[in-house]
Amino acid sequence: MQAALISALALWLAVGPAAAATAYITNEKGNSITVVDLDKLVAVKTVDVGQRPRGIALSQDQKLLYVCLGDDDTIAIIDAKTLDRVGELPSGPDPEQLRLSPDGKLLFVANENDAMLTAIDVKTRQSIVEVPVGVEPEGVAVSKDGETVVNTSETTSMAHFINWRAKKVVANVLVPSRPRYAEFTPDGKQLWVSSEVGGVVSVIDPVKHVITATIKFAVPGLTKEQIQPVGIRFSQDGKLGFVALGPANRVAVVDAATLKPIKYLLVGQRVWQLGLTPDGKTLVSTNGVTNDISVIDIASLKVVKSISVGSFPWGVAISSP
């Protein structure tokens, strides 16, 4: 027994204590980022970052954060460890959402005020392509193979499919009003697009470019107008979809096979975006009006804690331990 304890202690000293996943939350009205330790479930610090931060992404090596600063018309590069601003990337007017390519070399940015999707080379820090899309582009999704980039336009109410090899729009799919977000299923066979005003999620065949199903929501005691889908995430096994329902103050849990909601999780007010920990065990929602995030256990489908962050939390990126 003593030998085993000594061996275990030696191993702990060699590798150190287990590190925790870290959530980085953009606070749209606070002009800041809040860092949350997802092991201890506490906010560690909040730092100023720039004007109106919304979309946020981690570099492939998790050393840098890319943050859309809508009112500064730029993308800040933040050191994920020190939280110092170490540079910026050029973007068009009012960058809102962004996604990295699968190889981590390109950053695709929706520029809300000039109806463009901008592609930026993160190594050279130069804009390399601008693709015209619809009015007020917001949601950005990239297929696993990097061949297809999707941009949703709020005012045009379309999902624009861009062939990245050709660097042009190859299909425009009309969806219900004000599409906010787009997410490929883990197997890449479907694209889910949330329509905030339309109140539904459209399921699109990314090859045929047609809507194959529509996911509808009904929360007891709430009107249809209160149900406004925005952020989308999937469980690692692809069996569940999670949809933030805005002022409905719920995260819908959807059976990905039947496309039916099976549960509504009560979170903070005006739930906007969602983030999944790399181990797939925890979901985080940003709740704008209550200035907090909700931490959801995937196994039990229960909210385990609310954590106060900055003013009007919007986006979330989560690093692995």
Protein backbone atom coordinates (compact mmCIF):
# COMPACT_ATOMS: atom_id res chain seq x y z
CA MET A 1 0.00 0.00 0.00
CA GLN A 2 2.78 2.41 0.98
CA ALA A 3 4.67 1.67 -2.23
CA ALA A 4 1.54 2.37 -4.27
CA LEU A 5 0.99 5.70 -2.50
CA ILE A 6 4.59 6.72 -3.09
CA SER A 7 4.25 5.77 -6.77
CA ALA A 8 1.04 7.79 -7.12
CA LEU A 9 2.66 10.79 -5.42
CA ALA A 10 5.65 10.58 -7.73
CA LEU A 11 3.35 10.53 -10.75
CA TRP A 12 1.42 13.55 -9.48
CA LEU A 13 4.67 15.46 -8.92
CA ALA A 14 5.82 14.54 -12.41
CA VAL A 15 2.74 15.65 -14.29
CA GLY A 16 1.29 18.18 -11.82
CA PRO A 17 -2.36 18.61 -10.87
CA ALA A 18 -5.02 18.26 -13.55
CA ALA A 19 -5.62 21.50 -15.41
CA ALA A 20 -9.11 22.84 -15.94
CA ALA A 21 -10.89 23.87 -19.10
CA THR A 22 -11.15 27.63 -19.40
CA ALA A 23 -14.05 29.60 -20.84
CA TYR A 24 -13.48 33.00 -22.40
CA ILE A 25 -16.64 35.12 -22.49
CA THR A 26 -17.04 38.29 -24.57
CA ASN A 27 -19.09 40.98 -22.85
CA GLU A 28 -20.69 43.04 -25.60
CA LYS A 29 -21.62 46.10 -23.55
CA GLY A 30 -18.82 45.71 -21.02
CA ASN A 31 -16.18 45.91 -23.78
CA SER A 32 -14.36 43.12 -22.00
CA ILE A 33 -13.59 39.41 -21.73
CA THR A 34 -14.27 37.36 -18.60
CA VAL A 35 -12.16 34.26 -17.93
CA VAL A 36 -13.95 31.39 -16.16
CA ASP A 37 -12.32 28.35 -14.55
CA LEU A 38 -14.69 25.51 -15.47
CA ASP A 39 -13.22 23.16 -12.86
CA LYS A 40 -13.77 25.47 -9.89
CA LEU A 41 -16.77 27.10 -11.62
CA VAL A 42 -15.64 30.63 -10.80
CA ALA A 43 -14.85 33.75 -12.81
CA VAL A 44 -11.13 34.37 -12.54
CA LYS A 45 -10.81 37.84 -14.04
CA THR A 46 -12.35 40.34 -16.43
CA VAL A 47 -10.18 42.49 -18.70
CA ASP A 48 -10.92 45.31 -21.14
CA VAL A 49 -10.50 44.30 -24.76
CA GLY A 50 -12.06 46.88 -27.10
CA GLN A 51 -15.37 48.20 -28.34
CA ARG A 52 -18.32 45.81 -28.60
CA PRO A 53 -16.67 42.37 -28.53
CA ARG A 54 -18.88 39.58 -29.86
CA GLY A 55 -17.52 36.65 -31.89
CA ILE A 56 -14.54 34.86 -30.35
CA ALA A 57 -12.35 31.91 -31.35
CA LEU A 58 -9.19 30.18 -30.14
CA SER A 59 -6.22 29.56 -32.39
CA GLN A 60 -5.51 25.91 -33.17
CA ASP A 61 -2.70 25.76 -30.60
CA GLN A 62 -4.97 27.54 -28.07
CA LYS A 63 -2.35 30.21 -27.43
CA LEU A 64 -4.29 33.08 -29.00
CA LEU A 65 -7.81 34.44 -28.92
CA TYR A 66 -9.36 36.15 -31.92
CA VAL A 67 -12.06 38.61 -30.88
CA CYS A 68 -14.44 40.53 -33.16
CA LEU A 69 -14.56 44.17 -32.06
CA GLY A 70 -17.62 45.42 -33.89
CA ASP A 71 -17.31 49.12 -33.10
CA ASP A 72 -13.54 49.14 -33.67
CA ASP A 73 -13.87 47.44 -37.09
CA THR A 74 -11.07 45.04 -36.29
CA ILE A 75 -10.25 41.66 -34.77
CA ALA A 76 -8.09 41.79 -31.67
CA ILE A 77 -5.45 39.11 -31.10
CA ILE A 78 -5.24 38.32 -27.39
CA ASP A 79 -2.66 36.16 -25.62
CA ALA A 80 -4.84 33.48 -24.00
CA LYS A 81 -2.51 33.15 -21.00
CA THR A 82 -1.62 36.76 -20.17
CA LEU A 83 -4.74 38.33 -21.78
CA ASP A 84 -2.52 41.01 -23.28
CA ARG A 85 -3.45 42.37 -26.70
CA VAL A 86 -0.64 41.27 -29.01
CA GLY A 87 -1.93 42.35 -32.40
CA GLU A 88 -4.92 42.66 -34.65
CA LEU A 89 -6.31 41.27 -37.88
CA PRO A 90 -7.88 43.38 -40.63
CA SER A 91 -11.60 42.98 -41.10
CA GLY A 92 -14.37 44.78 -42.89
CA PRO A 93 -16.83 47.03 -41.05
CA ASP A 94 -18.51 45.61 -37.94
CA PRO A 95 -17.14 42.05 -37.67
CA GLU A 96 -19.64 39.91 -35.79
CA GLN A 97 -18.96 36.15 -35.98
CA LEU A 98 -15.90 34.21 -37.08
CA ARG A 99 -14.69 30.64 -37.61
CA LEU A 100 -11.27 29.09 -38.14
CA SER A 101 -10.63 26.73 -41.02
CA PRO A 102 -10.00 23.10 -39.98
CA ASP A 103 -6.25 23.52 -40.53
CA GLY A 104 -6.21 26.69 -38.43
CA LYS A 105 -4.68 28.78 -41.22
CA LEU A 106 -7.65 30.92 -42.21
CA LEU A 107 -10.18 32.92 -40.27
CA PHE A 108 -13.56 33.49 -41.89
CA VAL A 109 -15.32 36.64 -40.67
CA ALA A 110 -18.86 37.93 -41.22
CA ASN A 111 -18.77 41.70 -41.74
CA GLU A 112 -22.26 42.89 -40.90
CA ASN A 113 -22.07 46.37 -42.36
CA ASP A 114 -20.66 45.67 -45.82
CA ALA A 115 -22.32 42.36 -46.78
CA MET A 116 -19.03 40.49 -47.09
CA LEU A 117 -17.44 37.32 -45.83
CA THR A 118 -13.75 38.08 -45.27
CA ALA A 119 -11.05 35.40 -45.24
CA ILE A 120 -7.90 36.28 -43.30
CA ASP A 121 -4.55 34.49 -43.32
CA VAL A 122 -3.71 34.29 -39.61
CA LYS A 123 0.03 33.82 -40.22
CA THR A 124 0.53 36.84 -42.45
CA ARG A 125 -2.32 38.71 -40.76
CA GLN A 126 -3.64 39.80 -44.13
CA SER A 127 -7.08 39.72 -45.67
CA ILE A 128 -6.84 37.48 -48.74
CA VAL A 129 -10.41 37.18 -50.09
CA GLU A 130 -13.72 38.99 -49.73
CA VAL A 131 -16.84 37.18 -50.91
CA PRO A 132 -20.06 39.21 -51.41
CA VAL A 133 -23.02 37.73 -49.54
CA GLY A 134 -26.44 38.96 -48.38
CA VAL A 135 -27.37 41.95 -46.26
CA GLU A 136 -26.20 41.85 -42.62
CA PRO A 137 -24.18 38.62 -42.64
CA GLU A 138 -23.75 37.00 -39.25
CA GLY A 139 -23.49 33.23 -38.87
CA VAL A 140 -20.38 31.45 -40.15
CA ALA A 141 -19.85 27.69 -40.45
CA VAL A 142 -17.05 25.67 -42.06
CA SER A 143 -17.25 22.02 -43.14
CA LYS A 144 -14.76 19.55 -41.66
CA ASP A 145 -12.90 19.22 -44.95
CA GLY A 146 -12.71 22.99 -45.32
CA GLU A 147 -14.32 22.83 -48.75
CA THR A 148 -17.53 24.63 -47.83
CA VAL A 149 -18.03 27.87 -45.94
CA VAL A 150 -21.54 28.98 -45.02
CA ASN A 151 -22.56 32.52 -44.17
CA THR A 152 -26.07 33.50 -43.05
CA SER A 153 -27.49 36.94 -43.82
CA GLU A 154 -30.03 38.35 -41.38
CA THR A 155 -31.87 40.77 -43.67
CA THR A 156 -31.72 38.67 -46.84
CA SER A 157 -32.81 35.59 -44.83
CA MET A 158 -30.46 33.25 -46.65
CA ALA A 159 -27.75 30.71 -45.99
CA HIS A 160 -25.01 31.28 -48.57
CA PHE A 161 -22.93 28.23 -49.52
CA ILE A 162 -19.43 29.16 -50.62
CA ASN A 163 -17.18 26.73 -52.47
CA TRP A 164 -13.83 27.61 -50.98
CA ARG A 165 -11.78 26.21 -53.85
CA ALA A 166 -13.63 28.44 -56.29
CA LYS A 167 -14.05 31.17 -53.66
CA LYS A 168 -17.56 31.97 -54.77
CA VAL A 169 -21.15 31.47 -53.69
CA VAL A 170 -22.57 28.33 -55.30
CA ALA A 171 -25.98 28.24 -53.63
CA ASN A 172 -28.34 30.51 -51.69
CA VAL A 173 -30.91 28.78 -49.50
CA LEU A 174 -33.88 30.87 -48.37
CA VAL A 175 -34.67 30.30 -44.68
CA PRO A 176 -37.16 31.87 -42.24
CA SER A 177 -36.58 35.41 -41.04
CA ARG A 178 -33.32 36.60 -39.47
CA PRO A 179 -30.94 33.63 -39.57
CA ARG A 180 -28.42 34.08 -36.79
CA TYR A 181 -26.25 31.00 -36.63
CA ALA A 182 -25.14 27.98 -38.66
CA GLU A 183 -23.59 24.72 -37.47
CA PHE A 184 -22.67 21.49 -39.27
CA THR A 185 -23.58 18.24 -37.52
CA PRO A 186 -20.52 16.24 -36.39
CA ASP A 187 -20.90 13.85 -39.35
CA GLY A 188 -21.21 16.77 -41.77
CA LYS A 189 -24.43 15.45 -43.30
CA GLN A 190 -26.62 18.30 -42.11
CA LEU A 191 -26.35 22.03 -41.57
CA TRP A 192 -28.59 23.56 -38.91
CA VAL A 193 -29.49 27.24 -39.29
CA SER A 194 -31.33 29.14 -36.56
CA SER A 195 -33.86 31.82 -37.50
CA GLU A 196 -34.34 34.27 -34.67
CA VAL A 197 -37.55 35.96 -35.86
CA GLY A 198 -38.80 32.88 -37.69
CA GLY A 199 -38.56 30.97 -34.42
CA VAL A 200 -37.27 27.73 -35.96
CA VAL A 201 -34.13 25.86 -36.96
CA SER A 202 -33.83 24.81 -40.61
CA VAL A 203 -32.06 21.52 -41.35
CA ILE A 204 -30.28 21.78 -44.69
CA ASP A 205 -28.70 19.14 -46.93
CA PRO A 206 -25.26 20.70 -47.57
CA VAL A 207 -24.82 18.81 -50.85
CA LYS A 208 -28.23 19.32 -52.42
CA HIS A 209 -28.66 22.75 -50.80
CA VAL A 210 -32.28 22.16 -49.80
CA ILE A 211 -34.14 22.33 -46.49
CA THR A 212 -34.99 18.77 -45.48
CA ALA A 213 -36.70 19.48 -42.14
CA THR A 214 -37.71 22.28 -39.79
CA ILE A 215 -37.29 22.07 -36.02
CA LYS A 216 -40.03 23.84 -34.09
CA PHE A 217 -40.16 24.75 -30.42
CA ALA A 218 -42.97 25.15 -27.90
CA VAL A 219 -42.30 26.18 -24.31
CA PRO A 220 -45.30 26.06 -21.95
CA GLY A 221 -46.32 29.54 -20.82
CA LEU A 222 -44.40 31.37 -23.54
CA THR A 223 -45.63 32.92 -26.78
CA LYS A 224 -44.12 32.06 -30.15
CA GLU A 225 -42.63 35.56 -30.29
CA GLN A 226 -40.59 34.88 -27.16
CA ILE A 227 -38.90 31.85 -28.74
CA GLN A 228 -35.98 33.18 -30.77
CA PRO A 229 -33.34 30.57 -31.68
CA VAL A 230 -29.74 31.76 -31.90
CA GLY A 231 -26.67 29.68 -30.95
CA ILE A 232 -26.37 25.97 -31.78
CA ARG A 233 -24.05 23.21 -30.56
CA PHE A 234 -24.01 19.41 -30.80
CA SER A 235 -22.98 16.73 -28.34
CA GLN A 236 -19.76 14.98 -29.34
CA ASP A 237 -21.60 11.83 -30.44
CA GLY A 238 -23.99 13.89 -32.53
CA LYS A 239 -27.06 12.47 -30.81
CA LEU A 240 -28.18 15.74 -29.26
CA GLY A 241 -28.46 19.27 -30.57
CA PHE A 242 -28.58 22.27 -28.23
CA VAL A 243 -30.27 25.50 -29.30
CA ALA A 244 -30.20 28.80 -27.38
CA LEU A 245 -33.70 30.30 -27.46
CA GLY A 246 -32.94 33.96 -26.71
CA PRO A 247 -35.64 35.71 -24.63
CA ALA A 248 -37.32 32.36 -23.95
CA ASN A 249 -34.47 31.98 -21.42
CA ARG A 250 -34.09 28.30 -22.31
CA VAL A 251 -31.67 26.00 -24.04
CA ALA A 252 -33.60 23.46 -26.09
CA VAL A 253 -32.28 19.90 -26.14
CA VAL A 254 -33.11 18.30 -29.50
CA ASP A 255 -32.98 14.61 -30.43
CA ALA A 256 -30.84 14.77 -33.56
CA ALA A 257 -32.40 11.61 -34.99
CA THR A 258 -36.06 12.63 -34.67
CA LEU A 259 -35.39 16.39 -34.80
CA LYS A 260 -37.78 16.84 -31.88
CA PRO A 261 -37.06 18.86 -28.72
CA ILE A 262 -36.94 16.54 -25.71
CA LYS A 263 -36.21 19.05 -22.96
CA TYR A 264 -35.97 22.77 -22.25
CA LEU A 265 -33.33 23.88 -19.75
CA LEU A 266 -34.04 27.10 -17.86
CA VAL A 267 -30.98 29.36 -17.93
CA GLY A 268 -30.41 33.13 -17.62
CA GLN A 269 -32.22 35.83 -19.56
CA ARG A 270 -31.67 36.31 -23.30
CA VAL A 271 -29.51 33.25 -23.82
CA TRP A 272 -27.40 33.92 -26.87
CA GLN A 273 -24.45 31.64 -27.65
CA LEU A 274 -23.27 28.20 -26.55
CA GLY A 275 -19.90 26.55 -26.03
CA LEU A 276 -18.97 22.91 -25.44
CA THR A 277 -15.94 21.81 -23.44
CA PRO A 278 -13.41 19.73 -25.44
CA ASP A 279 -14.24 16.62 -23.40
CA GLY A 280 -17.89 16.99 -24.41
CA LYS A 281 -19.13 16.88 -20.82
CA THR A 282 -20.14 20.48 -20.22
CA LEU A 283 -22.14 23.08 -22.12
CA VAL A 284 -21.89 26.82 -21.40
CA SER A 285 -24.53 29.38 -22.33
CA THR A 286 -24.10 33.17 -22.39
CA ASN A 287 -27.06 35.02 -20.89
CA GLY A 288 -27.04 38.67 -21.95
CA VAL A 289 -29.63 40.34 -19.77
CA THR A 290 -28.68 38.63 -16.49
CA ASN A 291 -24.96 39.16 -17.13
CA ASP A 292 -24.07 35.58 -16.37
CA ILE A 293 -23.32 32.21 -17.92
CA SER A 294 -25.06 28.92 -17.18
CA VAL A 295 -23.03 25.72 -16.83
CA ILE A 296 -24.89 22.62 -18.03
CA ASP A 297 -23.93 19.01 -17.32
CA ILE A 298 -24.44 17.04 -20.55
CA ALA A 299 -24.88 13.62 -18.89
CA SER A 300 -27.73 14.70 -16.61
CA LEU A 301 -29.00 17.54 -18.82
CA LYS A 302 -29.13 19.82 -15.80
CA VAL A 303 -27.93 23.35 -15.11
CA VAL A 304 -25.34 23.01 -12.35
CA LYS A 305 -24.38 26.64 -11.78
CA SER A 306 -24.78 30.24 -12.92
CA ILE A 307 -21.64 32.40 -12.87
CA SER A 308 -21.65 36.20 -13.04
CA VAL A 309 -19.47 37.68 -15.78
CA GLY A 310 -19.42 41.11 -17.47
CA SER A 311 -22.09 43.30 -19.04
CA PHE A 312 -24.14 41.61 -21.78
CA PRO A 313 -22.18 38.37 -22.32
CA TRP A 314 -22.34 37.39 -25.99
CA GLY A 315 -19.76 34.86 -27.23
CA VAL A 316 -17.83 31.97 -25.71
CA ALA A 317 -14.67 30.04 -26.57
CA ILE A 318 -13.43 27.16 -24.44
CA SER A 319 -9.87 25.82 -24.20
CA SER A 320 -8.96 22.28 -23.22
CA PRO A 321 -6.93 21.61 -20.06
